[in-house]
Amino acid sequence: MTLDTNVNNDQVIGTLKGRLDTAAAVQFTKDMEPLMENADKEIVLDCSKLDFISSSGLRLLLTLRKETMAKGGKVIIKEVNDDIQQVFKITGFSSLFEFV
């Protein structure tokens, strides 16, 4: 699992690649720091190369959402594959995030 981050003036783009599972969650927590530091901005998570997300990964996205809400930013998730979209729907997370 990798997270590439590109910080612009008012937007941060994070590109997720691979599997965001329990094993990757520890590293992803560290990789999320630039996103958390810019939680006052619009954060766009590009999931076009994300293959899998576990409950640990969902928890980390929820943590990011809470931080952005507290600081006036927002999280937008884009290009989620059908399987991951189904996970968001089943867990109720689809109502917590904006998808494009």
PDB file of N, CA and C in Angstrom:
ATOM      1  N   MET A   1       0.843  -1.169   0.000  1.00  0.00           N
ATOM      2  CA  MET A   1       0.000   0.000   0.000  1.00  0.00           C
ATOM      3  C   MET A   1       0.890   1.234   0.000  1.00  0.00           C
ATOM      4  N   THR A   2       0.612   2.139  -0.917  1.00  0.00           N
ATOM      5  CA  THR A   2       1.332   3.409  -0.929  1.00  0.00           C
ATOM      6  C   THR A   2       0.332   4.555  -1.008  1.00  0.00           C
ATOM      7  N   LEU A   3       0.749   5.678  -0.492  1.00  0.00           N
ATOM      8  CA  LEU A   3      -0.020   6.912  -0.568  1.00  0.00           C
ATOM      9  C   LEU A   3       0.919   7.999  -1.059  1.00  0.00           C
ATOM     10  N   ASP A   4       0.647   8.492  -2.249  1.00  0.00           N
ATOM     11  CA  ASP A   4       1.407   9.613  -2.799  1.00  0.00           C
ATOM     12  C   ASP A   4       0.582  10.871  -2.567  1.00  0.00           C
ATOM     13  N   THR A   5       1.228  11.910  -2.044  1.00  0.00           N
ATOM     14  CA  THR A   5       0.519  13.128  -1.683  1.00  0.00           C
ATOM     15  C   THR A   5       1.073  14.309  -2.454  1.00  0.00           C
ATOM     16  N   ASN A   6       0.165  15.125  -2.982  1.00  0.00           N
ATOM     17  CA  ASN A   6       0.528  16.341  -3.689  1.00  0.00           C
ATOM     18  C   ASN A   6      -0.248  17.488  -3.063  1.00  0.00           C
ATOM     19  N   VAL A   7       0.465  18.417  -2.423  1.00  0.00           N
ATOM     20  CA  VAL A   7      -0.164  19.535  -1.721  1.00  0.00           C
ATOM     21  C   VAL A   7      -0.129  20.774  -2.603  1.00  0.00           C
ATOM     22  N   ASN A   8      -1.308  21.333  -2.881  1.00  0.00           N
ATOM     23  CA  ASN A   8      -1.445  22.594  -3.599  1.00  0.00           C
ATOM     24  C   ASN A   8      -1.896  23.661  -2.607  1.00  0.00           C
ATOM     25  N   ASN A   9      -2.215  24.837  -3.078  1.00  0.00           N
ATOM     26  CA  ASN A   9      -2.619  25.924  -2.194  1.00  0.00           C
ATOM     27  C   ASN A   9      -3.839  25.589  -1.352  1.00  0.00           C
ATOM     28  N   ASP A  10      -4.934  25.182  -1.990  1.00  0.00           N
ATOM     29  CA  ASP A  10      -6.163  24.939  -1.254  1.00  0.00           C
ATOM     30  C   ASP A  10      -6.691  23.515  -1.413  1.00  0.00           C
ATOM     31  N   GLN A  11      -5.879  22.638  -1.986  1.00  0.00           N
ATOM     32  CA  GLN A  11      -6.301  21.261  -2.211  1.00  0.00           C
ATOM     33  C   GLN A  11      -5.111  20.318  -2.040  1.00  0.00           C
ATOM     34  N   VAL A  12      -5.404  19.163  -1.493  1.00  0.00           N
ATOM     35  CA  VAL A  12      -4.404  18.107  -1.346  1.00  0.00           C
ATOM     36  C   VAL A  12      -4.934  16.878  -2.064  1.00  0.00           C
ATOM     37  N   ILE A  13      -4.109  16.282  -2.909  1.00  0.00           N
ATOM     38  CA  ILE A  13      -4.508  15.072  -3.618  1.00  0.00           C
ATOM     39  C   ILE A  13      -3.674  13.915  -3.085  1.00  0.00           C
ATOM     40  N   GLY A  14      -4.363  12.909  -2.613  1.00  0.00           N
ATOM     41  CA  GLY A  14      -3.711  11.690  -2.144  1.00  0.00           C
ATOM     42  C   GLY A  14      -4.086  10.542  -3.058  1.00  0.00           C
ATOM     43  N   THR A  15      -3.089   9.872  -3.615  1.00  0.00           N
ATOM     44  CA  THR A  15      -3.332   8.740  -4.505  1.00  0.00           C
ATOM     45  C   THR A  15      -2.986   7.461  -3.761  1.00  0.00           C
ATOM     46  N   LEU A  16      -4.001   6.617  -3.576  1.00  0.00           N
ATOM     47  CA  LEU A  16      -3.836   5.357  -2.869  1.00  0.00           C
ATOM     48  C   LEU A  16      -3.620   4.240  -3.875  1.00  0.00           C
ATOM     49  N   LYS A  17      -2.629   3.383  -3.596  1.00  0.00           N
ATOM     50  CA  LYS A  17      -2.303   2.273  -4.485  1.00  0.00           C
ATOM     51  C   LYS A  17      -2.148   1.004  -3.661  1.00  0.00           C
ATOM     52  N   GLY A  18      -2.761  -0.071  -4.132  1.00  0.00           N
ATOM     53  CA  GLY A  18      -2.594  -1.363  -3.474  1.00  0.00           C
ATOM     54  C   GLY A  18      -3.735  -1.720  -2.561  1.00  0.00           C
ATOM     55  N   ARG A  19      -3.405  -2.385  -1.461  1.00  0.00           N
ATOM     56  CA  ARG A  19      -4.395  -2.889  -0.507  1.00  0.00           C
ATOM     57  C   ARG A  19      -4.273  -2.124   0.810  1.00  0.00           C
ATOM     58  N   LEU A  20      -5.350  -1.489   1.211  1.00  0.00           N
ATOM     59  CA  LEU A  20      -5.377  -0.804   2.507  1.00  0.00           C
ATOM     60  C   LEU A  20      -6.019  -1.764   3.504  1.00  0.00           C
ATOM     61  N   ASP A  21      -5.196  -2.704   3.964  1.00  0.00           N
ATOM     62  CA  ASP A  21      -5.661  -3.718   4.901  1.00  0.00           C
ATOM     63  C   ASP A  21      -5.003  -3.509   6.257  1.00  0.00           C
ATOM     64  N   THR A  22      -5.242  -4.428   7.166  1.00  0.00           N
ATOM     65  CA  THR A  22      -4.719  -4.293   8.525  1.00  0.00           C
ATOM     66  C   THR A  22      -3.203  -4.201   8.535  1.00  0.00           C
ATOM     67  N   ALA A  23      -2.550  -4.995   7.704  1.00  0.00           N
ATOM     68  CA  ALA A  23      -1.082  -4.979   7.651  1.00  0.00           C
ATOM     69  C   ALA A  23      -0.553  -3.632   7.178  1.00  0.00           C
ATOM     70  N   ALA A  24      -1.253  -2.974   6.278  1.00  0.00           N
ATOM     71  CA  ALA A  24      -0.805  -1.692   5.724  1.00  0.00           C
ATOM     72  C   ALA A  24      -1.232  -0.502   6.573  1.00  0.00           C
ATOM     73  N   ALA A  25      -2.130  -0.714   7.527  1.00  0.00           N
ATOM     74  CA  ALA A  25      -2.705   0.396   8.295  1.00  0.00           C
ATOM     75  C   ALA A  25      -1.667   1.167   9.100  1.00  0.00           C
ATOM     76  N   VAL A  26      -0.709   0.476   9.664  1.00  0.00           N
ATOM     77  CA  VAL A  26       0.311   1.163  10.474  1.00  0.00           C
ATOM     78  C   VAL A  26       1.108   2.141   9.616  1.00  0.00           C
ATOM     79  N   GLN A  27       1.568   1.677   8.462  1.00  0.00           N
ATOM     80  CA  GLN A  27       2.324   2.558   7.574  1.00  0.00           C
ATOM     81  C   GLN A  27       1.443   3.668   7.018  1.00  0.00           C
ATOM     82  N   PHE A  28       0.195   3.338   6.679  1.00  0.00           N
ATOM     83  CA  PHE A  28      -0.725   4.331   6.136  1.00  0.00           C
ATOM     84  C   PHE A  28      -0.976   5.450   7.148  1.00  0.00           C
ATOM     85  N   THR A  29      -1.015   5.108   8.428  1.00  0.00           N
ATOM     86  CA  THR A  29      -1.177   6.126   9.473  1.00  0.00           C
ATOM     87  C   THR A  29      -0.052   7.146   9.393  1.00  0.00           C
ATOM     88  N   LYS A  30       1.159   6.685   9.189  1.00  0.00           N
ATOM     89  CA  LYS A  30       2.316   7.585   9.059  1.00  0.00           C
ATOM     90  C   LYS A  30       2.246   8.371   7.750  1.00  0.00           C
ATOM     91  N   ASP A  31       1.855   7.674   6.678  1.00  0.00           N
ATOM     92  CA  ASP A  31       1.780   8.319   5.368  1.00  0.00           C
ATOM     93  C   ASP A  31       0.681   9.379   5.302  1.00  0.00           C
ATOM     94  N   MET A  32      -0.312   9.263   6.190  1.00  0.00           N
ATOM     95  CA  MET A  32      -1.431  10.208   6.223  1.00  0.00           C
ATOM     96  C   MET A  32      -1.070  11.560   6.839  1.00  0.00           C
ATOM     97  N   GLU A  33       0.072  11.667   7.469  1.00  0.00           N
ATOM     98  CA  GLU A  33       0.440  12.902   8.161  1.00  0.00           C
ATOM     99  C   GLU A  33       0.294  14.162   7.305  1.00  0.00           C
ATOM    100  N   PRO A  34       0.766  14.170   6.047  1.00  0.00           N
ATOM    101  CA  PRO A  34       0.566  15.371   5.229  1.00  0.00           C
ATOM    102  C   PRO A  34      -0.915  15.702   5.023  1.00  0.00           C
ATOM    103  N   LEU A  35      -1.758  14.683   4.955  1.00  0.00           N
ATOM    104  CA  LEU A  35      -3.194  14.933   4.833  1.00  0.00           C
ATOM    105  C   LEU A  35      -3.745  15.538   6.116  1.00  0.00           C
ATOM    106  N   MET A  36      -3.343  14.983   7.242  1.00  0.00           N
ATOM    107  CA  MET A  36      -3.819  15.483   8.536  1.00  0.00           C
ATOM    108  C   MET A  36      -3.336  16.912   8.784  1.00  0.00           C
ATOM    109  N   GLU A  37      -2.118  17.216   8.364  1.00  0.00           N
ATOM    110  CA  GLU A  37      -1.573  18.559   8.543  1.00  0.00           C
ATOM    111  C   GLU A  37      -2.295  19.583   7.675  1.00  0.00           C
ATOM    112  N   ASN A  38      -2.924  19.131   6.620  1.00  0.00           N
ATOM    113  CA  ASN A  38      -3.650  20.014   5.702  1.00  0.00           C
ATOM    114  C   ASN A  38      -5.157  19.790   5.772  1.00  0.00           C
ATOM    115  N   ALA A  39      -5.646  19.400   6.938  1.00  0.00           N
ATOM    116  CA  ALA A  39      -7.058  19.068   7.110  1.00  0.00           C
ATOM    117  C   ALA A  39      -7.982  20.272   6.953  1.00  0.00           C
ATOM    118  N   ASP A  40      -7.428  21.460   6.894  1.00  0.00           N
ATOM    119  CA  ASP A  40      -8.248  22.650   6.679  1.00  0.00           C
ATOM    120  C   ASP A  40      -8.540  22.872   5.192  1.00  0.00           C
ATOM    121  N   LYS A  41      -8.014  22.011   4.341  1.00  0.00           N
ATOM    122  CA  LYS A  41      -8.173  22.136   2.894  1.00  0.00           C
ATOM    123  C   LYS A  41      -9.098  21.049   2.360  1.00  0.00           C
ATOM    124  N   GLU A  42      -9.351  21.109   1.076  1.00  0.00           N
ATOM    125  CA  GLU A  42     -10.079  20.043   0.406  1.00  0.00           C
ATOM    126  C   GLU A  42      -9.094  18.921   0.121  1.00  0.00           C
ATOM    127  N   ILE A  43      -9.408  17.739   0.599  1.00  0.00           N
ATOM    128  CA  ILE A  43      -8.552  16.574   0.397  1.00  0.00           C
ATOM    129  C   ILE A  43      -9.260  15.638  -0.570  1.00  0.00           C
ATOM    130  N   VAL A  44      -8.609  15.370  -1.680  1.00  0.00           N
ATOM    131  CA  VAL A  44      -9.158  14.469  -2.690  1.00  0.00           C
ATOM    132  C   VAL A  44      -8.352  13.175  -2.641  1.00  0.00           C
ATOM    133  N   LEU A  45      -9.054  12.079  -2.384  1.00  0.00           N
ATOM    134  CA  LEU A  45      -8.406  10.770  -2.359  1.00  0.00           C
ATOM    135  C   LEU A  45      -8.715  10.054  -3.664  1.00  0.00           C
ATOM    136  N   ASP A  46      -7.688   9.860  -4.469  1.00  0.00           N
ATOM    137  CA  ASP A  46      -7.819   9.149  -5.742  1.00  0.00           C
ATOM    138  C   ASP A  46      -7.643   7.665  -5.467  1.00  0.00           C
ATOM    139  N   CYS A  47      -8.721   6.919  -5.601  1.00  0.00           N
ATOM    140  CA  CYS A  47      -8.707   5.484  -5.293  1.00  0.00           C
ATOM    141  C   CYS A  47      -8.715   4.620  -6.546  1.00  0.00           C
ATOM    142  N   SER A  48      -8.345   5.188  -7.676  1.00  0.00           N
ATOM    143  CA  SER A  48      -8.378   4.435  -8.932  1.00  0.00           C
ATOM    144  C   SER A  48      -7.426   3.245  -8.919  1.00  0.00           C
ATOM    145  N   LYS A  49      -6.415   3.278  -8.063  1.00  0.00           N
ATOM    146  CA  LYS A  49      -5.448   2.176  -7.991  1.00  0.00           C
ATOM    147  C   LYS A  49      -5.522   1.441  -6.658  1.00  0.00           C
ATOM    148  N   LEU A  50      -6.587   1.706  -5.901  1.00  0.00           N
ATOM    149  CA  LEU A  50      -6.810   1.003  -4.634  1.00  0.00           C
ATOM    150  C   LEU A  50      -7.548  -0.297  -4.939  1.00  0.00           C
ATOM    151  N   ASP A  51      -6.974  -1.421  -4.503  1.00  0.00           N
ATOM    152  CA  ASP A  51      -7.526  -2.739  -4.819  1.00  0.00           C
ATOM    153  C   ASP A  51      -8.455  -3.285  -3.737  1.00  0.00           C
ATOM    154  N   PHE A  52      -8.235  -2.868  -2.486  1.00  0.00           N
ATOM    155  CA  PHE A  52      -8.958  -3.459  -1.362  1.00  0.00           C
ATOM    156  C   PHE A  52      -8.916  -2.499  -0.194  1.00  0.00           C
ATOM    157  N   ILE A  53      -9.978  -2.489   0.625  1.00  0.00           N
ATOM    158  CA  ILE A  53      -9.965  -1.724   1.864  1.00  0.00           C
ATOM    159  C   ILE A  53     -10.601  -2.563   2.960  1.00  0.00           C
ATOM    160  N   SER A  54      -9.954  -2.622   4.107  1.00  0.00           N
ATOM    161  CA  SER A  54     -10.467  -3.387   5.241  1.00  0.00           C
ATOM    162  C   SER A  54     -11.093  -2.427   6.247  1.00  0.00           C
ATOM    163  N   SER A  55     -11.611  -2.979   7.317  1.00  0.00           N
ATOM    164  CA  SER A  55     -12.197  -2.145   8.367  1.00  0.00           C
ATOM    165  C   SER A  55     -11.142  -1.222   8.980  1.00  0.00           C
ATOM    166  N   SER A  56      -9.900  -1.668   9.031  1.00  0.00           N
ATOM    167  CA  SER A  56      -8.816  -0.813   9.537  1.00  0.00           C
ATOM    168  C   SER A  56      -8.625   0.398   8.636  1.00  0.00           C
ATOM    169  N   GLY A  57      -8.705   0.176   7.337  1.00  0.00           N
ATOM    170  CA  GLY A  57      -8.586   1.275   6.380  1.00  0.00           C
ATOM    171  C   GLY A  57      -9.757   2.233   6.486  1.00  0.00           C
ATOM    172  N   LEU A  58     -10.951   1.696   6.638  1.00  0.00           N
ATOM    173  CA  LEU A  58     -12.132   2.546   6.808  1.00  0.00           C
ATOM    174  C   LEU A  58     -12.007   3.408   8.060  1.00  0.00           C
ATOM    175  N   ARG A  59     -11.492   2.813   9.126  1.00  0.00           N
ATOM    176  CA  ARG A  59     -11.309   3.562  10.380  1.00  0.00           C
ATOM    177  C   ARG A  59     -10.356   4.743  10.172  1.00  0.00           C
ATOM    178  N   LEU A  60      -9.296   4.533   9.410  1.00  0.00           N
ATOM    179  CA  LEU A  60      -8.351   5.614   9.153  1.00  0.00           C
ATOM    180  C   LEU A  60      -8.969   6.721   8.299  1.00  0.00           C
ATOM    181  N   LEU A  61      -9.795   6.340   7.333  1.00  0.00           N
ATOM    182  CA  LEU A  61     -10.489   7.361   6.538  1.00  0.00           C
ATOM    183  C   LEU A  61     -11.472   8.143   7.398  1.00  0.00           C
ATOM    184  N   LEU A  62     -12.106   7.463   8.337  1.00  0.00           N
ATOM    185  CA  LEU A  62     -13.017   8.142   9.250  1.00  0.00           C
ATOM    186  C   LEU A  62     -12.257   9.125  10.145  1.00  0.00           C
ATOM    187  N   THR A  63     -11.080   8.728  10.582  1.00  0.00           N
ATOM    188  CA  THR A  63     -10.232   9.622  11.377  1.00  0.00           C
ATOM    189  C   THR A  63      -9.875  10.868  10.574  1.00  0.00           C
ATOM    190  N   LEU A  64      -9.540  10.687   9.315  1.00  0.00           N
ATOM    191  CA  LEU A  64      -9.222  11.816   8.438  1.00  0.00           C
ATOM    192  C   LEU A  64     -10.443  12.713   8.266  1.00  0.00           C
ATOM    193  N   ARG A  65     -11.606  12.120   8.078  1.00  0.00           N
ATOM    194  CA  ARG A  65     -12.836  12.898   7.927  1.00  0.00           C
ATOM    195  C   ARG A  65     -13.113  13.740   9.170  1.00  0.00           C
ATOM    196  N   LYS A  66     -12.957  13.147  10.341  1.00  0.00           N
ATOM    197  CA  LYS A  66     -13.193  13.876  11.596  1.00  0.00           C
ATOM    198  C   LYS A  66     -12.247  15.060  11.725  1.00  0.00           C
ATOM    199  N   GLU A  67     -10.993  14.848  11.357  1.00  0.00           N
ATOM    200  CA  GLU A  67     -10.001  15.919  11.442  1.00  0.00           C
ATOM    201  C   GLU A  67     -10.333  17.050  10.475  1.00  0.00           C
ATOM    202  N   THR A  68     -10.728  16.711   9.263  1.00  0.00           N
ATOM    203  CA  THR A  68     -11.059  17.758   8.291  1.00  0.00           C
ATOM    204  C   THR A  68     -12.310  18.517   8.703  1.00  0.00           C
ATOM    205  N   MET A  69     -13.287  17.818   9.246  1.00  0.00           N
ATOM    206  CA  MET A  69     -14.501  18.499   9.704  1.00  0.00           C
ATOM    207  C   MET A  69     -14.183  19.475  10.825  1.00  0.00           C
ATOM    208  N   ALA A  70     -13.295  19.082  11.720  1.00  0.00           N
ATOM    209  CA  ALA A  70     -12.924  19.943  12.849  1.00  0.00           C
ATOM    210  C   ALA A  70     -12.175  21.187  12.386  1.00  0.00           C
ATOM    211  N   LYS A  71     -11.457  21.074  11.271  1.00  0.00           N
ATOM    212  CA  LYS A  71     -10.641  22.193  10.801  1.00  0.00           C
ATOM    213  C   LYS A  71     -11.241  22.926   9.609  1.00  0.00           C
ATOM    214  N   GLY A  72     -12.451  22.557   9.199  1.00  0.00           N
ATOM    215  CA  GLY A  72     -13.123  23.266   8.118  1.00  0.00           C
ATOM    216  C   GLY A  72     -12.814  22.769   6.723  1.00  0.00           C
ATOM    217  N   GLY A  73     -12.148  21.648   6.610  1.00  0.00           N
ATOM    218  CA  GLY A  73     -11.860  21.080   5.302  1.00  0.00           C
ATOM    219  C   GLY A  73     -12.888  20.035   4.933  1.00  0.00           C
ATOM    220  N   LYS A  74     -12.609  19.284   3.885  1.00  0.00           N
ATOM    221  CA  LYS A  74     -13.499  18.180   3.520  1.00  0.00           C
ATOM    222  C   LYS A  74     -12.719  17.136   2.752  1.00  0.00           C
ATOM    223  N   VAL A  75     -13.277  15.923   2.747  1.00  0.00           N
ATOM    224  CA  VAL A  75     -12.662  14.803   2.054  1.00  0.00           C
ATOM    225  C   VAL A  75     -13.563  14.402   0.889  1.00  0.00           C
ATOM    226  N   ILE A  76     -12.971  14.296  -0.275  1.00  0.00           N
ATOM    227  CA  ILE A  76     -13.660  13.829  -1.472  1.00  0.00           C
ATOM    228  C   ILE A  76     -12.947  12.565  -1.938  1.00  0.00           C
ATOM    229  N   ILE A  77     -13.726  11.535  -2.230  1.00  0.00           N
ATOM    230  CA  ILE A  77     -13.155  10.273  -2.696  1.00  0.00           C
ATOM    231  C   ILE A  77     -13.556  10.096  -4.149  1.00  0.00           C
ATOM    232  N   LYS A  78     -12.559   9.803  -4.999  1.00  0.00           N
ATOM    233  CA  LYS A  78     -12.884   9.656  -6.413  1.00  0.00           C
ATOM    234  C   LYS A  78     -12.354   8.338  -6.972  1.00  0.00           C
ATOM    235  N   GLU A  79     -13.018   7.901  -8.020  1.00  0.00           N
ATOM    236  CA  GLU A  79     -12.625   6.731  -8.809  1.00  0.00           C
ATOM    237  C   GLU A  79     -12.469   5.462  -7.976  1.00  0.00           C
ATOM    238  N   VAL A  80     -13.517   5.156  -7.218  1.00  0.00           N
ATOM    239  CA  VAL A  80     -13.539   3.939  -6.411  1.00  0.00           C
ATOM    240  C   VAL A  80     -14.083   2.802  -7.264  1.00  0.00           C
ATOM    241  N   ASN A  81     -13.426   1.635  -7.221  1.00  0.00           N
ATOM    242  CA  ASN A  81     -13.927   0.503  -7.997  1.00  0.00           C
ATOM    243  C   ASN A  81     -15.217  -0.034  -7.372  1.00  0.00           C
ATOM    244  N   ASP A  82     -15.906  -0.890  -8.096  1.00  0.00           N
ATOM    245  CA  ASP A  82     -17.216  -1.386  -7.662  1.00  0.00           C
ATOM    246  C   ASP A  82     -17.162  -2.149  -6.340  1.00  0.00           C
ATOM    247  N   ASP A  83     -16.137  -2.954  -6.148  1.00  0.00           N
ATOM    248  CA  ASP A  83     -16.028  -3.732  -4.910  1.00  0.00           C
ATOM    249  C   ASP A  83     -15.855  -2.833  -3.692  1.00  0.00           C
ATOM    250  N   ILE A  84     -14.998  -1.845  -3.812  1.00  0.00           N
ATOM    251  CA  ILE A  84     -14.765  -0.932  -2.691  1.00  0.00           C
ATOM    252  C   ILE A  84     -15.987  -0.045  -2.476  1.00  0.00           C
ATOM    253  N   GLN A  85     -16.639   0.360  -3.554  1.00  0.00           N
ATOM    254  CA  GLN A  85     -17.877   1.142  -3.431  1.00  0.00           C
ATOM    255  C   GLN A  85     -18.922   0.346  -2.651  1.00  0.00           C
ATOM    256  N   GLN A  86     -18.986  -0.948  -2.899  1.00  0.00           N
ATOM    257  CA  GLN A  86     -19.929  -1.808  -2.179  1.00  0.00           C
ATOM    258  C   GLN A  86     -19.599  -1.849  -0.687  1.00  0.00           C
ATOM    259  N   VAL A  87     -18.317  -1.882  -0.339  1.00  0.00           N
ATOM    260  CA  VAL A  87     -17.908  -1.861   1.066  1.00  0.00           C
ATOM    261  C   VAL A  87     -18.379  -0.560   1.725  1.00  0.00           C
ATOM    262  N   PHE A  88     -18.209   0.555   1.033  1.00  0.00           N
ATOM    263  CA  PHE A  88     -18.670   1.832   1.570  1.00  0.00           C
ATOM    264  C   PHE A  88     -20.186   1.822   1.775  1.00  0.00           C
ATOM    265  N   LYS A  89     -20.923   1.242   0.849  1.00  0.00           N
ATOM    266  CA  LYS A  89     -22.388   1.192   0.968  1.00  0.00           C
ATOM    267  C   LYS A  89     -22.824   0.302   2.120  1.00  0.00           C
ATOM    268  N   ILE A  90     -22.250  -0.892   2.211  1.00  0.00           N
ATOM    269  CA  ILE A  90     -22.639  -1.849   3.250  1.00  0.00           C
ATOM    270  C   ILE A  90     -22.368  -1.295   4.644  1.00  0.00           C
ATOM    271  N   THR A  91     -21.252  -0.610   4.801  1.00  0.00           N
ATOM    272  CA  THR A  91     -20.869  -0.082   6.119  1.00  0.00           C
ATOM    273  C   THR A  91     -21.533   1.245   6.450  1.00  0.00           C
ATOM    274  N   GLY A  92     -22.208   1.847   5.481  1.00  0.00           N
ATOM    275  CA  GLY A  92     -22.833   3.148   5.713  1.00  0.00           C
ATOM    276  C   GLY A  92     -21.881   4.318   5.513  1.00  0.00           C
ATOM    277  N   PHE A  93     -20.643   4.017   5.131  1.00  0.00           N
ATOM    278  CA  PHE A  93     -19.666   5.085   4.921  1.00  0.00           C
ATOM    279  C   PHE A  93     -19.961   5.906   3.678  1.00  0.00           C
ATOM    280  N   SER A  94     -20.783   5.381   2.781  1.00  0.00           N
ATOM    281  CA  SER A  94     -21.084   6.131   1.550  1.00  0.00           C
ATOM    282  C   SER A  94     -21.809   7.427   1.848  1.00  0.00           C
ATOM    283  N   SER A  95     -22.483   7.491   2.989  1.00  0.00           N
ATOM    284  CA  SER A  95     -23.182   8.725   3.361  1.00  0.00           C
ATOM    285  C   SER A  95     -22.258   9.708   4.095  1.00  0.00           C
ATOM    286  N   LEU A  96     -21.082   9.262   4.469  1.00  0.00           N
ATOM    287  CA  LEU A  96     -20.159  10.120   5.215  1.00  0.00           C
ATOM    288  C   LEU A  96     -19.189  10.898   4.339  1.00  0.00           C
ATOM    289  N   PHE A  97     -19.006  10.427   3.112  1.00  0.00           N
ATOM    290  CA  PHE A  97     -18.027  11.026   2.216  1.00  0.00           C
ATOM    291  C   PHE A  97     -18.696  11.496   0.937  1.00  0.00           C
ATOM    292  N   GLU A  98     -18.053  12.447   0.285  1.00  0.00           N
ATOM    293  CA  GLU A  98     -18.484  12.879  -1.036  1.00  0.00           C
ATOM    294  C   GLU A  98     -17.705  12.068  -2.057  1.00  0.00           C
ATOM    295  N   PHE A  99     -18.419  11.476  -3.009  1.00  0.00           N
ATOM    296  CA  PHE A  99     -17.793  10.666  -4.049  1.00  0.00           C
ATOM    297  C   PHE A  99     -17.976  11.370  -5.400  1.00  0.00           C
ATOM    298  N   VAL A 100     -16.912  11.357  -6.197  1.00  0.00           N
ATOM    299  CA  VAL A 100     -16.981  11.900  -7.557  1.00  0.00           C
ATOM    300  C   VAL A 100     -16.395  10.903  -8.526  1.00  0.00           C
TER     301      VAL A 100
END
